[in-house]
Amino acid sequence: MLGLPDAIRGCLFDLDGVLTRTATVHQAAWKRTFDEFLRAGDPQAGEFTDADYQQYVDGKPRADGVRDFLASRGIELPEGTADDGPDADTVQGVATRKNDLVQLELDEHGVEVYDGSMRYLRAVKAAGLPVAVVTASANGEKVIAAGGFADLVDARIDGVVTAREGYRGKPAPDTFLAGARALGLEPAQAVVFEDAQSGVAAGRAGEFGFVVGVDRVGQADALREHGADVVVDDLAELL
């Protein structure tokens, strides 16, 4: 009834873009952050694009996204520290600037969930399968609580856990492997649900039993190329 192989015993969900509509919030915050940064150094600099977001930033820890995108423009910044303020021209300072914008948006407008994803999540729990949310966001706990589905989540591996434990970010499989361990499962027993190319690649790299790509922005072919076993526009399609 869940559209999954019989061997699957648990589910690992990305958060932004899979369960919640906050991916658009993150993308807008990244665009404003990078456009302002680039134009401060060169008023004629090309803007941060949707393609840049998908290729360099989506699904990754904030600092990795900063490094990877700026490297694509031939820019290298000092690393700085986690205490750097939003005005610091360091990797951590740019990451802080982006997070401040996301926090402001969440505080002002809250969190919107995908109805189809909530239907699917409830069906997963009704079938007795445990659930972990695996997200690069350091705001994972706040977003889950604001979305009203904390009672449906058995484990959370978010940006706070990733930093504390020293996990590599997606496309490395570390965080999904941690999610499977938190549910007491082997990778082959778990399914990964992801909307980011880097996240799908992480699911494939971790040799998970099934990888579902969720296409919210018209990148179905890219999700398949990165390792998705199946691609859907909405999780309710699997019911």
Protein backbone atom coordinates (compact mmCIF):
# COMPACT_ATOMS: atom_id res chain seq x y z
CA MET A 1 0.00 0.00 0.00
CA LEU A 2 3.01 2.31 0.38
CA GLY A 3 4.52 1.64 -3.04
CA LEU A 4 7.70 0.22 -1.52
CA PRO A 5 9.59 -3.09 -1.85
CA ASP A 6 8.59 -5.79 0.64
CA ALA A 7 12.04 -5.73 2.31
CA ILE A 8 11.65 -2.13 3.51
CA ARG A 9 11.28 -1.80 7.29
CA GLY A 10 11.69 1.94 7.85
CA CYS A 11 11.60 5.34 6.15
CA LEU A 12 14.13 8.18 6.01
CA PHE A 13 12.63 11.49 4.89
CA ASP A 14 14.41 14.64 3.88
CA LEU A 15 12.57 17.66 5.28
CA ASP A 16 12.69 20.75 3.08
CA GLY A 17 10.94 20.06 -0.22
CA VAL A 18 9.78 16.57 0.76
CA LEU A 19 7.63 17.07 3.87
CA THR A 20 7.56 20.88 4.09
CA ARG A 21 7.44 23.73 1.60
CA THR A 22 10.43 25.41 3.20
CA ALA A 23 12.73 24.61 0.25
CA THR A 24 11.47 27.77 -1.46
CA VAL A 25 12.26 29.74 1.70
CA HIS A 26 15.81 28.39 1.69
CA GLN A 27 16.30 29.05 -2.01
CA ALA A 28 15.11 32.65 -1.70
CA ALA A 29 17.41 33.20 1.29
CA TRP A 30 20.38 31.77 -0.58
CA LYS A 31 19.66 33.96 -3.60
CA ARG A 32 19.47 37.16 -1.58
CA THR A 33 22.60 36.25 0.39
CA PHE A 34 24.73 35.38 -2.64
CA ASP A 35 23.47 38.17 -4.90
CA GLU A 36 24.25 40.79 -2.26
CA PHE A 37 27.66 39.24 -1.56
CA LEU A 38 28.65 39.00 -5.23
CA ARG A 39 27.53 42.51 -6.13
CA ALA A 40 29.34 44.01 -3.15
CA GLY A 41 32.55 42.87 -4.81
CA ASP A 42 31.50 43.39 -8.43
CA PRO A 43 28.34 45.34 -9.39
CA GLN A 44 28.29 43.48 -12.71
CA ALA A 45 28.50 39.99 -11.18
CA GLY A 46 26.06 37.41 -12.51
CA GLU A 47 23.20 36.56 -10.19
CA PHE A 48 22.66 33.34 -8.26
CA THR A 49 20.37 31.14 -10.40
CA ASP A 50 17.99 28.23 -9.92
CA ALA A 51 20.60 26.00 -11.59
CA ASP A 52 23.22 27.18 -9.08
CA TYR A 53 20.88 26.27 -6.23
CA GLN A 54 20.24 22.76 -7.54
CA GLN A 55 23.88 22.03 -8.38
CA TYR A 56 25.83 23.62 -5.54
CA VAL A 57 23.59 24.23 -2.54
CA ASP A 58 20.39 22.19 -2.31
CA GLY A 59 20.42 19.55 0.42
CA LYS A 60 23.89 20.39 1.73
CA PRO A 61 25.00 21.82 5.08
CA ARG A 62 25.12 25.62 4.90
CA ALA A 63 28.90 25.97 5.01
CA ASP A 64 29.34 23.35 2.27
CA GLY A 65 26.85 25.24 0.10
CA VAL A 66 28.76 28.50 0.61
CA ARG A 67 32.11 26.90 -0.28
CA ASP A 68 30.82 25.00 -3.31
CA PHE A 69 28.93 27.89 -4.86
CA LEU A 70 31.66 30.46 -4.31
CA ALA A 71 34.24 28.02 -5.69
CA SER A 72 32.15 27.82 -8.87
CA ARG A 73 32.69 31.60 -9.20
CA GLY A 74 36.38 31.34 -8.44
CA ILE A 75 36.00 32.82 -4.94
CA GLU A 76 37.67 31.43 -1.82
CA LEU A 77 36.97 32.87 1.62
CA PRO A 78 38.58 32.25 5.00
CA GLU A 79 36.65 29.65 6.95
CA GLY A 80 36.04 31.79 10.02
CA THR A 81 34.27 30.37 13.05
CA ALA A 82 30.69 29.49 13.99
CA ASP A 83 30.59 32.70 16.04
CA ASP A 84 31.09 34.93 12.98
CA GLY A 85 28.33 37.49 12.52
CA PRO A 86 26.40 38.01 9.29
CA ASP A 87 28.68 40.86 8.18
CA ALA A 88 31.87 38.77 8.28
CA ASP A 89 33.36 37.95 4.86
CA THR A 90 34.05 34.35 5.82
CA VAL A 91 32.40 31.06 4.93
CA GLN A 92 30.75 30.97 8.34
CA GLY A 93 29.71 34.63 8.12
CA VAL A 94 27.95 34.11 4.78
CA ALA A 95 26.29 30.98 6.18
CA THR A 96 25.10 32.98 9.21
CA ARG A 97 23.69 35.68 6.93
CA LYS A 98 21.64 33.09 5.06
CA ASN A 99 20.37 31.44 8.25
CA ASP A 100 19.28 34.78 9.69
CA LEU A 101 17.09 35.34 6.62
CA VAL A 102 15.55 31.86 6.96
CA GLN A 103 14.84 32.38 10.65
CA LEU A 104 13.12 35.67 9.89
CA GLU A 105 10.91 34.04 7.26
CA LEU A 106 9.98 31.13 9.54
CA ASP A 107 9.16 33.48 12.42
CA GLU A 108 7.00 35.71 10.22
CA HIS A 109 5.22 33.11 8.11
CA GLY A 110 5.57 29.73 9.84
CA VAL A 111 5.87 26.39 8.06
CA GLU A 112 3.64 25.02 5.33
CA VAL A 113 3.50 21.25 4.82
CA TYR A 114 2.68 19.22 1.73
CA ASP A 115 -0.73 17.63 2.25
CA GLY A 116 0.18 14.58 0.17
CA SER A 117 3.33 14.05 2.19
CA MET A 118 1.40 14.22 5.46
CA ARG A 119 -1.10 11.64 4.15
CA TYR A 120 1.80 9.39 3.21
CA LEU A 121 3.58 9.93 6.52
CA ARG A 122 0.45 8.96 8.44
CA ALA A 123 0.07 5.86 6.25
CA VAL A 124 3.67 4.90 6.98
CA LYS A 125 3.06 5.14 10.71
CA ALA A 126 -0.24 3.25 10.42
CA ALA A 127 1.68 0.45 8.70
CA GLY A 128 4.01 0.24 11.70
CA LEU A 129 7.16 1.53 10.00
CA PRO A 130 9.49 3.82 11.99
CA VAL A 131 10.35 7.25 10.59
CA ALA A 132 13.48 9.38 10.70
CA VAL A 133 13.84 12.88 9.31
CA VAL A 134 17.30 13.48 7.82
CA THR A 135 17.98 17.09 6.93
CA ALA A 136 20.97 19.37 6.46
CA SER A 137 19.03 22.16 8.16
CA ALA A 138 20.11 23.21 11.64
CA ASN A 139 16.48 24.31 12.10
CA GLY A 140 15.11 20.79 11.79
CA GLU A 141 13.56 20.55 15.24
CA LYS A 142 11.91 23.96 14.89
CA VAL A 143 10.50 23.20 11.43
CA ILE A 144 9.11 19.80 12.45
CA ALA A 145 7.44 21.29 15.51
CA ALA A 146 6.02 24.22 13.54
CA GLY A 147 4.74 21.82 10.87
CA GLY A 148 2.76 19.92 13.50
CA PHE A 149 4.05 16.40 12.79
CA ALA A 150 6.61 15.84 15.57
CA ASP A 151 4.47 12.97 16.87
CA LEU A 152 5.04 11.09 13.59
CA VAL A 153 8.86 11.26 13.76
CA ASP A 154 10.87 8.68 15.72
CA ALA A 155 14.36 10.10 15.08
CA ARG A 156 15.90 13.30 13.73
CA ILE A 157 19.32 13.74 12.14
CA ASP A 158 19.67 17.44 11.37
CA GLY A 159 22.39 20.03 10.96
CA VAL A 160 22.91 20.26 14.70
CA VAL A 161 23.55 16.51 14.97
CA THR A 162 25.71 16.55 11.84
CA ALA A 163 27.98 19.24 13.27
CA ARG A 164 28.17 17.59 16.67
CA GLU A 165 29.03 14.14 15.30
CA GLY A 166 31.25 15.32 12.46
CA TYR A 167 29.20 13.68 9.72
CA ARG A 168 29.91 14.59 6.13
CA GLY A 169 27.01 16.33 4.40
CA LYS A 170 25.11 15.02 1.40
CA PRO A 171 26.02 13.71 -1.20
CA ALA A 172 28.00 11.63 1.31
CA PRO A 173 25.67 9.02 2.87
CA ASP A 174 26.70 9.67 6.49
CA THR A 175 23.50 11.35 7.70
CA PHE A 176 21.19 8.79 6.13
CA LEU A 177 23.30 5.98 7.56
CA ALA A 178 22.96 7.65 10.97
CA GLY A 179 19.19 7.83 10.45
CA ALA A 180 19.04 4.12 9.69
CA ARG A 181 21.09 3.32 12.80
CA ALA A 182 18.78 5.47 14.91
CA LEU A 183 15.89 3.29 13.74
CA GLY A 184 17.85 0.08 14.33
CA LEU A 185 17.95 -0.77 10.62
CA GLU A 186 20.48 -1.80 8.02
CA PRO A 187 20.61 0.46 4.94
CA ALA A 188 19.06 -2.25 2.76
CA GLN A 189 16.00 -2.21 5.03
CA ALA A 190 15.36 1.52 4.67
CA VAL A 191 13.97 3.80 1.97
CA VAL A 192 15.25 7.33 1.34
CA PHE A 193 12.86 10.09 0.22
CA GLU A 194 14.68 13.10 -1.30
CA ASP A 195 14.02 16.09 -3.54
CA ALA A 196 17.67 17.20 -3.90
CA GLN A 197 20.11 15.72 -6.38
CA SER A 198 22.75 15.57 -3.64
CA GLY A 199 20.33 13.74 -1.34
CA VAL A 200 19.38 11.16 -3.95
CA ALA A 201 23.09 10.60 -4.61
CA ALA A 202 23.60 10.09 -0.87
CA GLY A 203 20.85 7.49 -0.78
CA ARG A 204 22.43 5.60 -3.66
CA ALA A 205 25.94 5.88 -2.17
CA GLY A 206 24.67 4.42 1.10
CA GLU A 207 23.25 1.36 -0.73
CA PHE A 208 19.78 1.86 0.70
CA GLY A 209 17.03 -0.55 -0.20
CA PHE A 210 15.04 2.00 -2.22
CA VAL A 211 15.48 5.68 -3.17
CA VAL A 212 12.45 7.83 -4.00
CA GLY A 213 13.05 11.10 -5.81
CA VAL A 214 10.46 13.82 -5.18
CA ASP A 215 10.34 16.23 -8.10
CA ARG A 216 9.05 19.65 -7.04
CA VAL A 217 10.93 21.74 -9.63
CA GLY A 218 11.01 19.76 -12.89
CA GLN A 219 14.25 17.82 -12.39
CA ALA A 220 12.94 14.26 -12.69
CA ASP A 221 15.63 13.19 -15.18
CA ALA A 222 18.41 14.57 -12.98
CA LEU A 223 17.02 12.75 -9.93
CA ARG A 224 17.01 9.49 -11.88
CA GLU A 225 20.55 10.13 -13.11
CA HIS A 226 21.70 10.62 -9.52
CA GLY A 227 20.23 7.28 -8.45
CA ALA A 228 16.49 7.49 -7.74
CA ASP A 229 14.68 4.15 -8.24
CA VAL A 230 11.42 6.00 -8.83
CA VAL A 231 10.48 9.69 -9.15
CA VAL A 232 7.12 11.15 -8.12
CA ASP A 233 5.72 14.66 -8.06
CA ASP A 234 4.02 14.03 -4.71
CA LEU A 235 4.35 11.24 -2.14
CA ALA A 236 0.60 10.59 -2.28
CA GLU A 237 1.22 9.03 -5.71
CA LEU A 238 2.76 6.06 -3.91
CA LEU A 239 -0.41 5.28 -1.95
